[in-house]
Protein backbone atom coordinates (compact mmCIF):
# COMPACT_ATOMS: atom_id res chain seq x y z
CA MET A 1 0.00 0.00 0.00
CA ALA A 2 1.41 3.35 -1.03
CA GLN A 3 1.91 6.00 1.57
CA LYS A 4 -0.09 9.16 1.19
CA GLY A 5 1.87 12.01 -0.39
CA LEU A 6 4.51 9.90 -2.15
CA VAL A 7 4.81 10.01 -5.92
CA GLN A 8 5.51 6.68 -7.55
CA ASN A 9 6.75 5.68 -11.01
CA VAL A 10 8.09 9.09 -11.95
CA ALA A 11 10.74 9.10 -14.65
CA PRO A 12 13.78 11.30 -13.99
CA ALA A 13 14.36 14.40 -16.08
CA PRO A 14 16.28 13.58 -19.29
CA GLY A 15 19.49 15.27 -18.13
CA ALA A 16 19.33 13.83 -14.62
CA VAL A 17 20.29 10.33 -15.72
CA PHE A 18 23.22 11.62 -17.77
CA TYR A 19 24.33 13.84 -14.89
CA SER A 20 24.23 10.97 -12.40
CA LEU A 21 26.11 8.68 -14.80
CA ALA A 22 28.67 11.41 -15.51
CA SER A 23 29.09 12.06 -11.78
CA ALA A 24 29.61 8.36 -11.11
CA ARG A 25 32.19 8.22 -13.91
CA VAL A 26 34.07 11.23 -12.54
CA LEU A 27 34.14 9.69 -9.10
CA ARG A 28 35.37 6.41 -10.57
CA LEU A 29 38.07 8.22 -12.54
CA ILE A 30 39.32 9.86 -9.36
CA ASP A 31 39.68 6.44 -7.74
CA ALA A 32 40.96 4.33 -10.65
CA PRO A 33 43.12 4.83 -13.73
CA LEU A 34 41.58 4.58 -17.18
CA SER A 35 41.45 1.21 -18.87
CA ALA A 36 43.12 0.80 -22.27
CA ALA A 37 39.72 0.99 -24.01
CA GLU A 38 38.83 4.18 -22.14
CA ARG A 39 42.20 5.74 -23.00
CA SER A 40 41.71 4.81 -26.65
CA HIS A 41 38.21 6.29 -26.64
CA ALA A 42 39.48 9.47 -24.98
CA ASP A 43 42.24 9.75 -27.60
CA ILE A 44 39.71 9.32 -30.41
CA LEU A 45 37.46 12.01 -28.91
CA ALA A 46 40.40 14.38 -28.47
CA ALA A 47 41.49 13.87 -32.09
CA ARG A 48 37.90 14.38 -33.29
CA ASN A 49 37.51 17.58 -31.28
CA ALA A 50 40.84 18.90 -32.60
CA ALA A 51 39.80 18.10 -36.17
CA LEU A 52 36.45 19.82 -35.67
CA ALA A 53 38.13 22.91 -34.22
CA GLU A 54 40.59 23.01 -37.12
CA ALA A 55 37.81 22.55 -39.68
CA SER A 56 35.81 25.31 -38.03
CA THR A 57 38.81 27.65 -38.15
CA THR A 58 39.59 26.66 -41.74
CA ARG A 59 35.96 27.27 -42.72
CA ARG A 60 36.00 30.70 -41.08
CA VAL A 61 39.23 31.63 -42.87
CA ALA A 62 37.79 30.41 -46.19
CA GLU A 63 34.64 32.47 -45.58
CA ALA A 64 36.75 35.56 -44.79
CA ILE A 65 38.77 35.09 -47.98
CA ALA A 66 35.56 34.69 -49.99
CA ARG A 67 34.21 37.91 -48.46
CA MET A 68 37.47 39.72 -49.36
CA LYS A 69 37.34 38.44 -52.92
CA THR A 70 33.73 39.56 -53.23
CA ARG A 71 34.51 42.97 -51.85
CA PHE A 72 37.89 43.67 -53.46
CA GLY A 73 38.05 41.30 -56.43
CA ASN A 74 39.93 38.06 -56.95
CA ASP A 75 43.40 39.54 -56.52
CA GLY A 76 42.60 40.79 -53.00
CA ARG A 77 43.49 44.44 -53.69
């Protein structure tokens, strides 16, 4: 029999589960070193993030050059 005033079968907010899992992972990382698979995954994510940052910068430079060419002509003068 349920007690009066208690809410049952309530799903957590979408971010709450991720937050609790992330918190548990951080606590585990403090206590234990990364496994080889986790290190490999972290390396892959770092390389991906670096590539995305470089692509974003490259895209912005290309857009700036295109704007210059539009404004000043193809020779950039």
